[in-house]
Amino acid sequence: VSRPVLVGHSLGGAIVLAMALERPEQVGALVLLTPLTHPVAKPNPIFDGLRVRSRLLRRLLGYTIAVPLARQKTKETLDEVFAPEPWPEDFGIRAGGVLGLRPKGYVTTSGDLVAVEDEIEAQAGRYGTLKMPGFVLLADGDTLLPNAEQGSPLSEHGFTIETLTGRGHMLPLTAPDDCAKLIRTAVAQAAKA
């Protein structure tokens, strides 16, 4: 694949940005969907149980109590993740949501959260070096990653910002047509560059 358009949702936004920073000449364009881009001033409490720094404790929790506790809080968590929109009733199966309810899912998600908290500030300081076309799709109802501190600051670095009204964090599932349209725009821009 030559100069792909990289697309990242949520934590995937930080990952896509990291990839572009490491190999800018190999990236055609970026599309970030309700992304994590900067340090989070006040993390949403639904992440509290994942903030485990010790690898040993993370594994112990993952293979003992984390999954049963997560199952008990599934509805509450999905309500928060999708807010203000309803979550699809078949999210667990059709969208693979149940895969997160495995010990390995807890362990890796916890590790990713801790790692990104350690790295995101330094990474954000390098965004001004990115020269490829960049597009951000935000949701005005996102309760997990506030627009003002996440995607919106990328406008200072030439990213095109679009915000959907009445939408929440899970745009790839709740607004797939809007996401696809933005990706097509990025592909067209990458072809011109």
N, C-alpha and C. Protein backbone atom coordinates (compact mmCIF):
# COMPACT_ATOMS: atom_id res chain seq x y z
N VAL A 1 0.86 -1.17 0.00
CA VAL A 1 0.00 0.00 0.00
C VAL A 1 0.90 1.23 0.00
N SER A 2 0.63 2.13 -0.89
CA SER A 2 1.42 3.34 -0.99
C SER A 2 0.63 4.54 -0.49
N ARG A 3 1.17 5.25 0.48
CA ARG A 3 0.57 6.46 1.06
C ARG A 3 -0.91 6.29 1.39
N PRO A 4 -1.24 5.39 2.32
CA PRO A 4 -2.65 5.15 2.68
C PRO A 4 -3.27 6.31 3.44
N VAL A 5 -4.58 6.34 3.44
CA VAL A 5 -5.34 7.23 4.30
C VAL A 5 -5.55 6.45 5.59
N LEU A 6 -5.03 6.96 6.70
CA LEU A 6 -5.17 6.29 7.98
C LEU A 6 -6.39 6.84 8.70
N VAL A 7 -7.22 5.94 9.22
CA VAL A 7 -8.46 6.32 9.90
C VAL A 7 -8.40 5.77 11.33
N GLY A 8 -8.68 6.63 12.31
CA GLY A 8 -8.68 6.19 13.70
C GLY A 8 -9.83 6.77 14.47
N HIS A 9 -10.49 5.92 15.25
CA HIS A 9 -11.59 6.34 16.12
C HIS A 9 -11.14 6.27 17.57
N SER A 10 -11.45 7.29 18.36
CA SER A 10 -11.18 7.31 19.78
C SER A 10 -9.68 7.15 20.04
N LEU A 11 -9.27 6.13 20.80
CA LEU A 11 -7.85 5.87 21.02
C LEU A 11 -7.13 5.62 19.70
N GLY A 12 -7.85 5.08 18.73
CA GLY A 12 -7.28 4.88 17.40
C GLY A 12 -6.81 6.19 16.77
N GLY A 13 -7.42 7.32 17.16
CA GLY A 13 -6.97 8.62 16.67
C GLY A 13 -5.55 8.91 17.12
N ALA A 14 -5.26 8.62 18.39
CA ALA A 14 -3.90 8.82 18.91
C ALA A 14 -2.92 7.89 18.22
N ILE A 15 -3.35 6.67 17.93
CA ILE A 15 -2.47 5.70 17.27
C ILE A 15 -2.16 6.14 15.84
N VAL A 16 -3.18 6.58 15.11
CA VAL A 16 -2.99 7.05 13.74
C VAL A 16 -2.06 8.26 13.72
N LEU A 17 -2.24 9.18 14.65
CA LEU A 17 -1.36 10.35 14.73
C LEU A 17 0.07 9.93 15.02
N ALA A 18 0.26 8.96 15.90
CA ALA A 18 1.61 8.47 16.21
C ALA A 18 2.25 7.85 14.97
N MET A 19 1.48 7.08 14.22
CA MET A 19 2.00 6.48 12.99
C MET A 19 2.43 7.56 12.00
N ALA A 20 1.59 8.59 11.85
CA ALA A 20 1.91 9.67 10.92
C ALA A 20 3.14 10.46 11.36
N LEU A 21 3.30 10.63 12.66
CA LEU A 21 4.47 11.35 13.16
C LEU A 21 5.76 10.55 12.92
N GLU A 22 5.66 9.23 13.01
CA GLU A 22 6.84 8.38 12.83
C GLU A 22 7.22 8.20 11.36
N ARG A 23 6.25 8.18 10.47
CA ARG A 23 6.51 7.94 9.04
C ARG A 23 5.68 8.89 8.17
N PRO A 24 5.87 10.20 8.32
CA PRO A 24 5.01 11.15 7.61
C PRO A 24 5.05 11.01 6.08
N GLU A 25 6.18 10.63 5.55
CA GLU A 25 6.30 10.49 4.10
C GLU A 25 5.52 9.31 3.55
N GLN A 26 5.09 8.41 4.41
CA GLN A 26 4.36 7.22 3.98
C GLN A 26 2.84 7.34 4.15
N VAL A 27 2.36 8.48 4.63
CA VAL A 27 0.93 8.65 4.92
C VAL A 27 0.32 9.66 3.94
N GLY A 28 -0.78 9.25 3.29
CA GLY A 28 -1.46 10.13 2.34
C GLY A 28 -2.34 11.16 3.01
N ALA A 29 -3.09 10.77 4.04
CA ALA A 29 -4.00 11.67 4.75
C ALA A 29 -4.43 10.99 6.04
N LEU A 30 -5.02 11.78 6.93
CA LEU A 30 -5.52 11.29 8.22
C LEU A 30 -7.00 11.61 8.36
N VAL A 31 -7.75 10.66 8.90
CA VAL A 31 -9.15 10.88 9.27
C VAL A 31 -9.29 10.45 10.72
N LEU A 32 -9.71 11.36 11.57
CA LEU A 32 -9.86 11.09 12.99
C LEU A 32 -11.33 11.24 13.37
N LEU A 33 -11.89 10.20 13.95
CA LEU A 33 -13.30 10.17 14.32
C LEU A 33 -13.41 10.22 15.85
N THR A 34 -14.03 11.28 16.38
CA THR A 34 -14.10 11.52 17.83
C THR A 34 -12.81 11.01 18.50
N PRO A 35 -11.66 11.63 18.12
CA PRO A 35 -10.38 11.09 18.52
C PRO A 35 -9.85 11.56 19.87
N LEU A 36 -8.96 10.75 20.41
CA LEU A 36 -8.09 11.16 21.52
C LEU A 36 -6.87 11.77 20.86
N THR A 37 -6.57 13.04 21.15
CA THR A 37 -5.44 13.72 20.52
C THR A 37 -4.53 14.41 21.52
N HIS A 38 -5.03 14.71 22.70
CA HIS A 38 -4.31 15.48 23.71
C HIS A 38 -4.58 14.87 25.10
N PRO A 39 -3.82 15.27 26.11
CA PRO A 39 -4.12 14.79 27.46
C PRO A 39 -5.56 15.15 27.84
N VAL A 40 -6.19 14.27 28.60
CA VAL A 40 -7.57 14.49 29.04
C VAL A 40 -7.52 15.12 30.43
N ALA A 41 -8.07 16.33 30.54
CA ALA A 41 -8.02 17.07 31.80
C ALA A 41 -8.75 16.32 32.92
N LYS A 42 -9.96 15.85 32.62
CA LYS A 42 -10.75 15.15 33.63
C LYS A 42 -11.36 13.91 32.98
N PRO A 43 -10.65 12.76 33.07
CA PRO A 43 -11.16 11.55 32.42
C PRO A 43 -12.53 11.14 32.93
N ASN A 44 -13.33 10.62 32.03
CA ASN A 44 -14.65 10.11 32.37
C ASN A 44 -14.49 8.98 33.40
N PRO A 45 -15.29 8.97 34.45
CA PRO A 45 -15.19 7.94 35.49
C PRO A 45 -15.33 6.50 34.99
N ILE A 46 -15.90 6.28 33.80
CA ILE A 46 -16.02 4.90 33.33
C ILE A 46 -14.65 4.27 33.06
N PHE A 47 -13.60 5.10 32.97
CA PHE A 47 -12.26 4.58 32.74
C PHE A 47 -11.51 4.28 34.03
N ASP A 48 -12.06 4.62 35.18
CA ASP A 48 -11.35 4.47 36.45
C ASP A 48 -10.86 3.04 36.70
N GLY A 49 -11.68 2.05 36.40
CA GLY A 49 -11.29 0.66 36.65
C GLY A 49 -10.21 0.14 35.71
N LEU A 50 -9.91 0.89 34.67
CA LEU A 50 -8.87 0.49 33.72
C LEU A 50 -7.51 1.12 34.02
N ARG A 51 -7.48 2.10 34.88
CA ARG A 51 -6.26 2.85 35.17
C ARG A 51 -5.41 2.09 36.18
N VAL A 52 -4.80 0.99 35.72
CA VAL A 52 -3.99 0.12 36.59
C VAL A 52 -2.57 0.11 36.03
N ARG A 53 -1.63 0.67 36.77
CA ARG A 53 -0.25 0.81 36.29
C ARG A 53 0.56 -0.48 36.39
N SER A 54 0.32 -1.27 37.38
CA SER A 54 1.09 -2.51 37.57
C SER A 54 0.63 -3.58 36.58
N ARG A 55 1.58 -4.11 35.79
CA ARG A 55 1.23 -5.18 34.84
C ARG A 55 0.72 -6.41 35.57
N LEU A 56 1.36 -6.74 36.67
CA LEU A 56 0.95 -7.92 37.44
C LEU A 56 -0.47 -7.75 37.98
N LEU A 57 -0.75 -6.60 38.57
CA LEU A 57 -2.09 -6.34 39.10
C LEU A 57 -3.12 -6.31 37.97
N ARG A 58 -2.74 -5.74 36.84
CA ARG A 58 -3.63 -5.69 35.68
C ARG A 58 -4.04 -7.10 35.26
N ARG A 59 -3.08 -8.01 35.18
CA ARG A 59 -3.37 -9.39 34.79
C ARG A 59 -4.21 -10.09 35.86
N LEU A 60 -3.87 -9.87 37.12
CA LEU A 60 -4.62 -10.48 38.22
C LEU A 60 -6.09 -10.03 38.16
N LEU A 61 -6.30 -8.73 38.00
CA LEU A 61 -7.68 -8.22 37.92
C LEU A 61 -8.39 -8.75 36.67
N GLY A 62 -7.68 -8.76 35.55
CA GLY A 62 -8.27 -9.20 34.29
C GLY A 62 -8.76 -10.64 34.34
N TYR A 63 -8.00 -11.49 35.03
CA TYR A 63 -8.34 -12.92 35.06
C TYR A 63 -9.12 -13.32 36.31
N THR A 64 -9.55 -12.33 37.11
CA THR A 64 -10.37 -12.65 38.28
C THR A 64 -11.67 -11.85 38.28
N ILE A 65 -11.63 -10.61 38.74
CA ILE A 65 -12.88 -9.86 38.98
C ILE A 65 -13.26 -8.84 37.91
N ALA A 66 -12.34 -8.42 37.04
CA ALA A 66 -12.64 -7.33 36.10
C ALA A 66 -13.78 -7.69 35.15
N VAL A 67 -13.75 -8.89 34.59
CA VAL A 67 -14.77 -9.27 33.61
C VAL A 67 -16.15 -9.42 34.25
N PRO A 68 -16.28 -10.12 35.39
CA PRO A 68 -17.61 -10.18 36.02
C PRO A 68 -18.15 -8.79 36.40
N LEU A 69 -17.27 -7.91 36.88
CA LEU A 69 -17.72 -6.55 37.22
C LEU A 69 -18.15 -5.79 35.96
N ALA A 70 -17.40 -5.95 34.88
CA ALA A 70 -17.75 -5.28 33.62
C ALA A 70 -19.09 -5.77 33.10
N ARG A 71 -19.34 -7.05 33.23
CA ARG A 71 -20.63 -7.59 32.77
C ARG A 71 -21.79 -7.00 33.55
N GLN A 72 -21.58 -6.78 34.84
CA GLN A 72 -22.63 -6.18 35.67
C GLN A 72 -22.92 -4.73 35.26
N LYS A 73 -21.90 -4.06 34.72
CA LYS A 73 -22.05 -2.64 34.38
C LYS A 73 -22.19 -2.41 32.88
N THR A 74 -22.47 -3.45 32.11
CA THR A 74 -22.51 -3.33 30.66
C THR A 74 -23.49 -2.26 30.20
N LYS A 75 -24.72 -2.30 30.69
CA LYS A 75 -25.73 -1.32 30.24
C LYS A 75 -25.30 0.09 30.61
N GLU A 76 -24.86 0.30 31.83
CA GLU A 76 -24.42 1.62 32.28
C GLU A 76 -23.25 2.13 31.42
N THR A 77 -22.31 1.26 31.13
CA THR A 77 -21.16 1.64 30.32
C THR A 77 -21.56 1.99 28.90
N LEU A 78 -22.39 1.15 28.28
CA LEU A 78 -22.83 1.43 26.91
C LEU A 78 -23.67 2.70 26.83
N ASP A 79 -24.50 2.93 27.84
CA ASP A 79 -25.28 4.17 27.88
C ASP A 79 -24.34 5.38 27.84
N GLU A 80 -23.26 5.33 28.59
CA GLU A 80 -22.31 6.44 28.66
C GLU A 80 -21.48 6.56 27.37
N VAL A 81 -21.02 5.44 26.84
CA VAL A 81 -20.18 5.44 25.64
C VAL A 81 -20.94 5.96 24.43
N PHE A 82 -22.21 5.62 24.30
CA PHE A 82 -23.00 6.03 23.15
C PHE A 82 -23.73 7.36 23.35
N ALA A 83 -23.86 7.84 24.59
CA ALA A 83 -24.64 9.05 24.89
C ALA A 83 -24.26 10.19 23.96
N PRO A 84 -25.24 10.97 23.53
CA PRO A 84 -26.65 10.98 23.89
C PRO A 84 -27.51 10.04 23.03
N GLU A 85 -26.87 9.23 22.20
CA GLU A 85 -27.60 8.33 21.32
C GLU A 85 -27.84 6.98 21.99
N PRO A 86 -28.87 6.26 21.56
CA PRO A 86 -29.06 4.90 22.08
C PRO A 86 -28.03 3.96 21.46
N TRP A 87 -27.68 2.93 22.17
CA TRP A 87 -26.74 1.96 21.61
C TRP A 87 -27.51 0.84 20.93
N PRO A 88 -26.94 0.29 19.86
CA PRO A 88 -27.63 -0.78 19.13
C PRO A 88 -27.80 -2.01 20.02
N GLU A 89 -28.98 -2.58 20.02
CA GLU A 89 -29.27 -3.75 20.83
C GLU A 89 -28.35 -4.93 20.48
N ASP A 90 -27.92 -5.00 19.22
CA ASP A 90 -27.07 -6.11 18.80
C ASP A 90 -25.58 -5.76 18.84
N PHE A 91 -25.22 -4.69 19.57
CA PHE A 91 -23.83 -4.23 19.64
C PHE A 91 -22.89 -5.34 20.09
N GLY A 92 -23.28 -6.11 21.07
CA GLY A 92 -22.42 -7.15 21.61
C GLY A 92 -21.98 -8.17 20.58
N ILE A 93 -22.89 -8.56 19.71
CA ILE A 93 -22.58 -9.59 18.71
C ILE A 93 -22.16 -8.97 17.38
N ARG A 94 -23.02 -8.16 16.79
CA ARG A 94 -22.75 -7.65 15.45
C ARG A 94 -21.52 -6.73 15.40
N ALA A 95 -21.33 -5.92 16.43
CA ALA A 95 -20.19 -4.99 16.45
C ALA A 95 -19.02 -5.54 17.25
N GLY A 96 -19.15 -6.74 17.80
CA GLY A 96 -18.04 -7.36 18.52
C GLY A 96 -17.83 -6.86 19.93
N GLY A 97 -18.82 -6.18 20.50
CA GLY A 97 -18.69 -5.66 21.85
C GLY A 97 -18.35 -6.69 22.91
N VAL A 98 -18.82 -7.93 22.72
CA VAL A 98 -18.55 -8.97 23.71
C VAL A 98 -17.07 -9.33 23.76
N LEU A 99 -16.32 -9.02 22.72
CA LEU A 99 -14.89 -9.31 22.73
C LEU A 99 -14.16 -8.53 23.83
N GLY A 100 -14.73 -7.38 24.19
CA GLY A 100 -14.14 -6.60 25.28
C GLY A 100 -14.40 -7.21 26.65
N LEU A 101 -15.29 -8.19 26.71
CA LEU A 101 -15.62 -8.83 27.98
C LEU A 101 -14.84 -10.14 28.15
N ARG A 102 -13.57 -10.10 27.79
CA ARG A 102 -12.67 -11.23 27.99
C ARG A 102 -11.51 -10.74 28.84
N PRO A 103 -10.88 -11.60 29.61
CA PRO A 103 -9.74 -11.15 30.41
C PRO A 103 -8.67 -10.44 29.59
N LYS A 104 -8.33 -11.00 28.44
CA LYS A 104 -7.29 -10.38 27.60
C LYS A 104 -7.72 -8.98 27.14
N GLY A 105 -9.02 -8.81 26.87
CA GLY A 105 -9.53 -7.49 26.49
C GLY A 105 -9.30 -6.46 27.58
N TYR A 106 -9.57 -6.85 28.82
CA TYR A 106 -9.34 -5.94 29.95
C TYR A 106 -7.85 -5.61 30.07
N VAL A 107 -7.01 -6.63 30.04
CA VAL A 107 -5.57 -6.45 30.24
C VAL A 107 -4.99 -5.51 29.17
N THR A 108 -5.32 -5.75 27.92
CA THR A 108 -4.75 -4.92 26.86
C THR A 108 -5.33 -3.51 26.86
N THR A 109 -6.61 -3.37 27.12
CA THR A 109 -7.22 -2.04 27.16
C THR A 109 -6.63 -1.22 28.30
N SER A 110 -6.45 -1.84 29.46
CA SER A 110 -5.84 -1.16 30.59
C SER A 110 -4.40 -0.73 30.25
N GLY A 111 -3.65 -1.62 29.64
CA GLY A 111 -2.28 -1.29 29.24
C GLY A 111 -2.23 -0.15 28.25
N ASP A 112 -3.15 -0.17 27.28
CA ASP A 112 -3.21 0.90 26.28
C ASP A 112 -3.53 2.25 26.94
N LEU A 113 -4.48 2.25 27.85
CA LEU A 113 -4.88 3.48 28.52
C LEU A 113 -3.71 4.08 29.30
N VAL A 114 -3.01 3.25 30.06
CA VAL A 114 -1.86 3.72 30.84
C VAL A 114 -0.77 4.24 29.91
N ALA A 115 -0.50 3.52 28.83
CA ALA A 115 0.55 3.94 27.89
C ALA A 115 0.22 5.27 27.23
N VAL A 116 -1.02 5.42 26.80
CA VAL A 116 -1.38 6.67 26.12
C VAL A 116 -1.33 7.85 27.08
N GLU A 117 -1.70 7.64 28.32
CA GLU A 117 -1.61 8.72 29.30
C GLU A 117 -0.16 9.17 29.49
N ASP A 118 0.78 8.22 29.37
CA ASP A 118 2.19 8.54 29.53
C ASP A 118 2.78 9.24 28.30
N GLU A 119 2.22 9.01 27.14
CA GLU A 119 2.83 9.47 25.88
C GLU A 119 2.13 10.63 25.18
N ILE A 120 0.84 10.82 25.43
CA ILE A 120 0.05 11.72 24.59
C ILE A 120 0.50 13.18 24.67
N GLU A 121 0.96 13.64 25.80
CA GLU A 121 1.37 15.04 25.90
C GLU A 121 2.57 15.34 25.00
N ALA A 122 3.58 14.49 25.03
CA ALA A 122 4.75 14.68 24.17
C ALA A 122 4.35 14.56 22.70
N GLN A 123 3.48 13.62 22.41
CA GLN A 123 3.02 13.43 21.03
C GLN A 123 2.30 14.67 20.53
N ALA A 124 1.42 15.23 21.35
CA ALA A 124 0.65 16.42 20.95
C ALA A 124 1.56 17.59 20.62
N GLY A 125 2.69 17.67 21.25
CA GLY A 125 3.65 18.74 20.98
C GLY A 125 4.28 18.66 19.60
N ARG A 126 4.10 17.55 18.91
CA ARG A 126 4.70 17.35 17.59
C ARG A 126 3.70 17.48 16.44
N TYR A 127 2.43 17.72 16.71
CA TYR A 127 1.42 17.74 15.65
C TYR A 127 1.69 18.82 14.60
N GLY A 128 2.35 19.89 14.97
CA GLY A 128 2.65 20.96 14.02
C GLY A 128 3.57 20.53 12.88
N THR A 129 4.24 19.39 13.03
CA THR A 129 5.14 18.89 11.98
C THR A 129 4.39 18.13 10.89
N LEU A 130 3.13 17.78 11.14
CA LEU A 130 2.35 17.00 10.16
C LEU A 130 1.94 17.89 8.99
N LYS A 131 2.22 17.43 7.79
CA LYS A 131 1.92 18.22 6.59
C LYS A 131 0.88 17.58 5.68
N MET A 132 0.51 16.32 5.92
CA MET A 132 -0.48 15.66 5.07
C MET A 132 -1.88 16.18 5.39
N PRO A 133 -2.84 16.04 4.46
CA PRO A 133 -4.21 16.47 4.76
C PRO A 133 -4.75 15.73 5.99
N GLY A 134 -5.45 16.47 6.85
CA GLY A 134 -6.03 15.88 8.04
C GLY A 134 -7.46 16.33 8.24
N PHE A 135 -8.31 15.38 8.62
CA PHE A 135 -9.73 15.64 8.80
C PHE A 135 -10.18 15.06 10.13
N VAL A 136 -11.02 15.81 10.84
CA VAL A 136 -11.53 15.38 12.14
C VAL A 136 -13.04 15.47 12.13
N LEU A 137 -13.70 14.39 12.54
CA LEU A 137 -15.15 14.38 12.69
C LEU A 137 -15.47 14.25 14.17
N LEU A 138 -16.13 15.27 14.70
CA LEU A 138 -16.47 15.33 16.13
C LEU A 138 -17.98 15.20 16.31
N ALA A 139 -18.38 14.96 17.55
CA ALA A 139 -19.79 14.87 17.92
C ALA A 139 -20.05 15.83 19.07
N ASP A 140 -21.03 16.69 18.93
CA ASP A 140 -21.26 17.70 19.97
C ASP A 140 -21.74 17.11 21.29
N GLY A 141 -22.20 15.85 21.29
CA GLY A 141 -22.65 15.21 22.52
C GLY A 141 -21.66 14.23 23.11
N ASP A 142 -20.43 14.21 22.62
CA ASP A 142 -19.41 13.26 23.09
C ASP A 142 -19.08 13.54 24.55
N THR A 143 -19.38 12.58 25.44
CA THR A 143 -19.11 12.75 26.87
C THR A 143 -17.79 12.11 27.28
N LEU A 144 -17.14 11.38 26.37
CA LEU A 144 -15.89 10.70 26.71
C LEU A 144 -14.66 11.55 26.41
N LEU A 145 -14.65 12.19 25.24
CA LEU A 145 -13.51 13.01 24.82
C LEU A 145 -14.02 14.38 24.38
N PRO A 146 -13.99 15.35 25.29
CA PRO A 146 -14.54 16.68 24.99
C PRO A 146 -13.87 17.32 23.77
N ASN A 147 -14.69 17.80 22.85
CA ASN A 147 -14.21 18.39 21.60
C ASN A 147 -13.20 19.50 21.83
N ALA A 148 -13.45 20.37 22.81
CA ALA A 148 -12.60 21.54 23.03
C ALA A 148 -11.17 21.16 23.36
N GLU A 149 -10.97 20.02 24.02
CA GLU A 149 -9.60 19.63 24.37
C GLU A 149 -9.05 18.51 23.50
N GLN A 150 -9.85 17.94 22.66
CA GLN A 150 -9.39 16.85 21.80
C GLN A 150 -9.30 17.28 20.34
N GLY A 151 -10.17 16.85 19.48
CA GLY A 151 -10.04 17.10 18.05
C GLY A 151 -9.95 18.56 17.64
N SER A 152 -10.71 19.43 18.28
CA SER A 152 -10.75 20.84 17.87
C SER A 152 -9.39 21.52 17.84
N PRO A 153 -8.47 21.28 18.80
CA PRO A 153 -7.17 21.96 18.74
C PRO A 153 -6.35 21.64 17.49
N LEU A 154 -6.70 20.59 16.77
CA LEU A 154 -5.95 20.25 15.57
C LEU A 154 -6.20 21.25 14.44
N SER A 155 -7.22 22.10 14.57
CA SER A 155 -7.44 23.13 13.55
C SER A 155 -6.23 24.07 13.48
N GLU A 156 -5.53 24.24 14.60
CA GLU A 156 -4.32 25.08 14.63
C GLU A 156 -3.22 24.51 13.73
N HIS A 157 -3.31 23.24 13.40
CA HIS A 157 -2.30 22.58 12.58
C HIS A 157 -2.81 22.27 11.18
N GLY A 158 -3.90 22.93 10.78
CA GLY A 158 -4.41 22.81 9.43
C GLY A 158 -5.40 21.69 9.19
N PHE A 159 -5.80 21.00 10.23
CA PHE A 159 -6.80 19.93 10.07
C PHE A 159 -8.17 20.55 9.82
N THR A 160 -8.96 19.92 8.98
CA THR A 160 -10.34 20.33 8.74
C THR A 160 -11.22 19.68 9.80
N ILE A 161 -12.00 20.48 10.51
CA ILE A 161 -12.83 19.99 11.61
C ILE A 161 -14.30 20.07 11.21
N GLU A 162 -15.03 19.00 11.45
CA GLU A 162 -16.48 18.98 11.23
C GLU A 162 -17.12 18.40 12.49
N THR A 163 -18.22 18.99 12.92
CA THR A 163 -18.91 18.52 14.12
C THR A 163 -20.34 18.15 13.78
N LEU A 164 -20.74 16.95 14.20
CA LEU A 164 -22.12 16.49 14.01
C LEU A 164 -22.95 16.85 15.23
N THR A 165 -24.13 17.34 15.01
CA THR A 165 -25.04 17.75 16.09
C THR A 165 -25.88 16.56 16.56
N GLY A 166 -26.04 16.46 17.88
CA GLY A 166 -26.90 15.44 18.46
C GLY A 166 -26.29 14.04 18.45
N ARG A 167 -25.00 13.97 18.24
CA ARG A 167 -24.31 12.67 18.15
C ARG A 167 -23.38 12.49 19.34
N GLY A 168 -23.02 11.21 19.59
CA GLY A 168 -22.11 10.88 20.67
C GLY A 168 -20.80 10.29 20.15
N HIS A 169 -20.07 9.67 21.03
CA HIS A 169 -18.71 9.22 20.76
C HIS A 169 -18.59 8.12 19.70
N MET A 170 -19.60 7.32 19.53
CA MET A 170 -19.48 6.12 18.68
C MET A 170 -19.90 6.36 17.23
N LEU A 171 -19.38 7.40 16.62
CA LEU A 171 -19.76 7.77 15.26
C LEU A 171 -19.61 6.66 14.22
N PRO A 172 -18.58 5.82 14.29
CA PRO A 172 -18.50 4.77 13.26
C PRO A 172 -19.73 3.86 13.24
N LEU A 173 -20.41 3.72 14.37
CA LEU A 173 -21.60 2.88 14.44
C LEU A 173 -22.89 3.67 14.29
N THR A 174 -22.90 4.91 14.75
CA THR A 174 -24.15 5.68 14.73
C THR A 174 -24.26 6.64 13.54
N ALA A 175 -23.13 6.96 12.92
CA ALA A 175 -23.13 7.87 11.76
C ALA A 175 -22.17 7.35 10.69
N PRO A 176 -22.34 6.09 10.27
CA PRO A 176 -21.38 5.51 9.32
C PRO A 176 -21.33 6.24 7.97
N ASP A 177 -22.46 6.79 7.52
CA ASP A 177 -22.46 7.50 6.24
C ASP A 177 -21.62 8.77 6.32
N ASP A 178 -21.72 9.49 7.44
CA ASP A 178 -20.90 10.70 7.62
C ASP A 178 -19.42 10.35 7.69
N CYS A 179 -19.10 9.26 8.36
CA CYS A 179 -17.71 8.81 8.45
C CYS A 179 -17.18 8.43 7.06
N ALA A 180 -17.97 7.68 6.31
CA ALA A 180 -17.56 7.24 4.97
C ALA A 180 -17.37 8.44 4.05
N LYS A 181 -18.25 9.41 4.14
CA LYS A 181 -18.14 10.62 3.31
C LYS A 181 -16.82 11.35 3.59
N LEU A 182 -16.47 11.48 4.85
CA LEU A 182 -15.23 12.16 5.21
C LEU A 182 -14.02 11.36 4.74
N ILE A 183 -14.08 10.06 4.84
CA ILE A 183 -12.98 9.21 4.36
C ILE A 183 -12.81 9.37 2.85
N ARG A 184 -13.91 9.41 2.11
CA ARG A 184 -13.83 9.62 0.66
C ARG A 184 -13.20 10.97 0.34
N THR A 185 -13.55 11.99 1.11
CA THR A 185 -12.94 13.32 0.93
C THR A 185 -11.44 13.25 1.16
N ALA A 186 -11.02 12.54 2.21
CA ALA A 186 -9.59 12.41 2.51
C ALA A 186 -8.86 11.65 1.40
N VAL A 187 -9.50 10.61 0.87
CA VAL A 187 -8.88 9.87 -0.22
C VAL A 187 -8.66 10.77 -1.43
N ALA A 188 -9.64 11.60 -1.75
CA ALA A 188 -9.52 12.53 -2.88
C ALA A 188 -8.40 13.54 -2.63
N GLN A 189 -8.29 14.04 -1.40
CA GLN A 189 -7.23 15.00 -1.07
C GLN A 189 -5.85 14.35 -1.12
N ALA A 190 -5.76 13.12 -0.66
CA ALA A 190 -4.48 12.41 -0.67
C ALA A 190 -4.03 12.17 -2.10
N ALA A 191 -4.97 11.90 -2.99
CA ALA A 191 -4.62 11.65 -4.40
C ALA A 191 -4.05 12.90 -5.06
N LYS A 192 -4.47 14.09 -4.60
CA LYS A 192 -3.98 15.35 -5.16
C LYS A 192 -2.59 15.72 -4.64
N ALA A 193 -2.27 15.23 -3.44
CA ALA A 193 -1.00 15.63 -2.79
C ALA A 193 0.20 14.95 -3.40
